Amino acid sequence: MLVVTTPTLSGHRIVRHLGIVGGDAILGANIFRDFFAGIRDIVGGRSAAYEKELRNAKAIALQEMTEQARELGASAIVGVDLDYETIQVGSGGGMLMVSASGTAVIVETGE
């Protein structure tokens, strides 16, 4: 399935819009505790472990969005947007949410 951030697909004609689809992934408070505990992993201001968790969360959100589009019979998702939000839980606890959303569409196959 084609998944793009643009509102159109170059070389394809959108024949039907099926609606908004989305997916979310939430990283719990443990990732922050592990992140700060593993501060020694930071090289040049970057943390490989934390970046890996963020990539995993993004992949989960995109996968959920794609599955929802497939259930609608879509052949592509256009206008994809990724958002990262922090959620404060209790006193000092926090979570990170990665959300993916876009518009499920059917495109001409060209056959």
Protein backbone atom coordinates (compact mmCIF):
# COMPACT_ATOMS: atom_id res chain seq x y z
CA MET A 1 0.00 0.00 0.00
CA LEU A 2 1.26 3.45 -0.91
CA VAL A 3 1.60 5.72 2.14
CA VAL A 4 2.57 9.33 1.40
CA THR A 5 2.61 12.70 3.12
CA THR A 6 1.50 14.51 -0.03
CA PRO A 7 -2.20 15.13 -0.79
CA THR A 8 -1.90 13.46 -4.21
CA LEU A 9 -0.05 10.54 -5.75
CA SER A 10 2.15 11.36 -8.71
CA GLY A 11 1.19 9.17 -11.66
CA HIS A 12 -2.02 7.92 -10.00
CA ARG A 13 -5.55 9.27 -10.01
CA ILE A 14 -7.54 9.12 -6.78
CA VAL A 15 -11.00 7.79 -7.64
CA ARG A 16 -12.51 7.60 -4.16
CA HIS A 17 -11.83 9.02 -0.70
CA LEU A 18 -12.74 6.54 2.06
CA GLY A 19 -12.10 8.70 5.10
CA ILE A 20 -9.56 9.47 7.78
CA VAL A 21 -7.55 6.60 9.22
CA GLY A 22 -5.13 6.63 12.12
CA GLY A 23 -2.91 4.71 14.47
CA ASP A 24 -1.30 5.44 17.82
CA ALA A 25 1.54 4.08 19.91
CA ILE A 26 2.31 5.10 23.47
CA LEU A 27 5.68 4.75 25.15
CA GLY A 28 5.24 4.31 28.88
CA ALA A 29 7.08 5.98 31.73
CA ASN A 30 9.68 3.22 31.76
CA ILE A 31 11.19 4.48 28.52
CA PHE A 32 11.95 7.81 30.20
CA ARG A 33 13.43 6.13 33.27
CA ASP A 34 15.51 3.85 31.04
CA PHE A 35 16.50 6.81 28.92
CA PHE A 36 17.84 8.81 31.83
CA ALA A 37 19.42 5.74 33.41
CA GLY A 38 21.14 5.02 30.11
CA ILE A 39 22.38 8.57 29.61
CA ARG A 40 25.83 7.11 28.99
CA ASP A 41 24.39 5.89 25.66
CA ILE A 42 24.28 9.49 24.44
CA VAL A 43 26.97 10.28 21.93
CA GLY A 44 27.04 13.69 20.33
CA GLY A 45 23.74 14.65 21.96
CA ARG A 46 21.86 11.60 20.63
CA SER A 47 20.62 8.45 22.31
CA ALA A 48 20.57 5.37 20.08
CA ALA A 49 18.31 3.48 22.51
CA TYR A 50 15.75 6.28 22.70
CA GLU A 51 15.79 6.83 18.94
CA LYS A 52 15.21 3.11 18.43
CA GLU A 53 12.13 3.23 20.69
CA LEU A 54 10.79 6.25 18.83
CA ARG A 55 11.27 4.47 15.48
CA ASN A 56 9.44 1.43 16.87
CA ALA A 57 6.55 3.60 18.08
CA LYS A 58 6.35 5.33 14.69
CA ALA A 59 6.31 1.95 12.91
CA ILE A 60 3.48 0.71 15.16
CA ALA A 61 1.40 3.84 14.56
CA LEU A 62 1.91 3.59 10.77
CA GLN A 63 1.11 -0.13 10.80
CA GLU A 64 -2.15 0.43 12.72
CA MET A 65 -3.13 3.20 10.30
CA THR A 66 -2.36 1.00 7.28
CA GLU A 67 -4.38 -1.92 8.72
CA GLN A 68 -7.36 0.39 9.26
CA ALA A 69 -7.09 1.58 5.64
CA ARG A 70 -6.93 -2.01 4.36
CA GLU A 71 -10.12 -2.82 6.27
CA LEU A 72 -11.81 0.00 4.37
CA GLY A 73 -10.54 -1.40 1.05
CA ALA A 74 -8.05 1.40 0.41
CA SER A 75 -5.16 1.10 -2.00
CA ALA A 76 -3.26 4.11 -0.62
CA ILE A 77 -3.12 6.65 2.19
CA VAL A 78 -2.46 10.30 1.35
CA GLY A 79 -1.78 13.36 3.47
CA VAL A 80 -0.10 11.35 6.23
CA ASP A 81 0.84 13.34 9.32
CA LEU A 82 2.93 12.14 12.25
CA ASP A 83 2.53 13.81 15.64
CA TYR A 84 4.52 13.34 18.83
CA GLU A 85 2.90 14.35 22.12
CA THR A 86 3.94 14.06 25.74
CA ILE A 87 1.33 13.08 28.30
CA GLN A 88 1.89 13.87 31.96
CA VAL A 89 0.73 11.05 34.23
CA GLY A 90 0.59 11.60 37.97
CA SER A 91 3.47 13.35 39.68
CA GLY A 92 6.59 13.17 37.57
CA GLY A 93 5.49 10.27 35.37
CA GLY A 94 5.16 10.77 31.66
CA MET A 95 4.35 9.04 28.43
CA LEU A 96 5.08 9.77 24.80
CA MET A 97 2.40 9.22 22.19
CA VAL A 98 3.12 8.88 18.48
CA SER A 99 0.08 9.34 16.25
CA ALA A 100 -0.21 8.77 12.51
CA SER A 101 -3.21 9.92 10.49
CA GLY A 102 -4.09 10.27 6.85
CA THR A 103 -6.83 9.85 4.27
CA ALA A 104 -7.55 6.37 2.94
CA VAL A 105 -8.16 6.43 -0.81
CA ILE A 106 -8.67 4.16 -3.79
CA VAL A 107 -6.48 4.93 -6.79
CA GLU A 108 -6.77 3.84 -10.42
CA THR A 109 -4.57 0.88 -11.14
CA GLY A 110 -3.83 2.00 -14.69
CA GLU A 111 -4.61 -1.42 -16.13
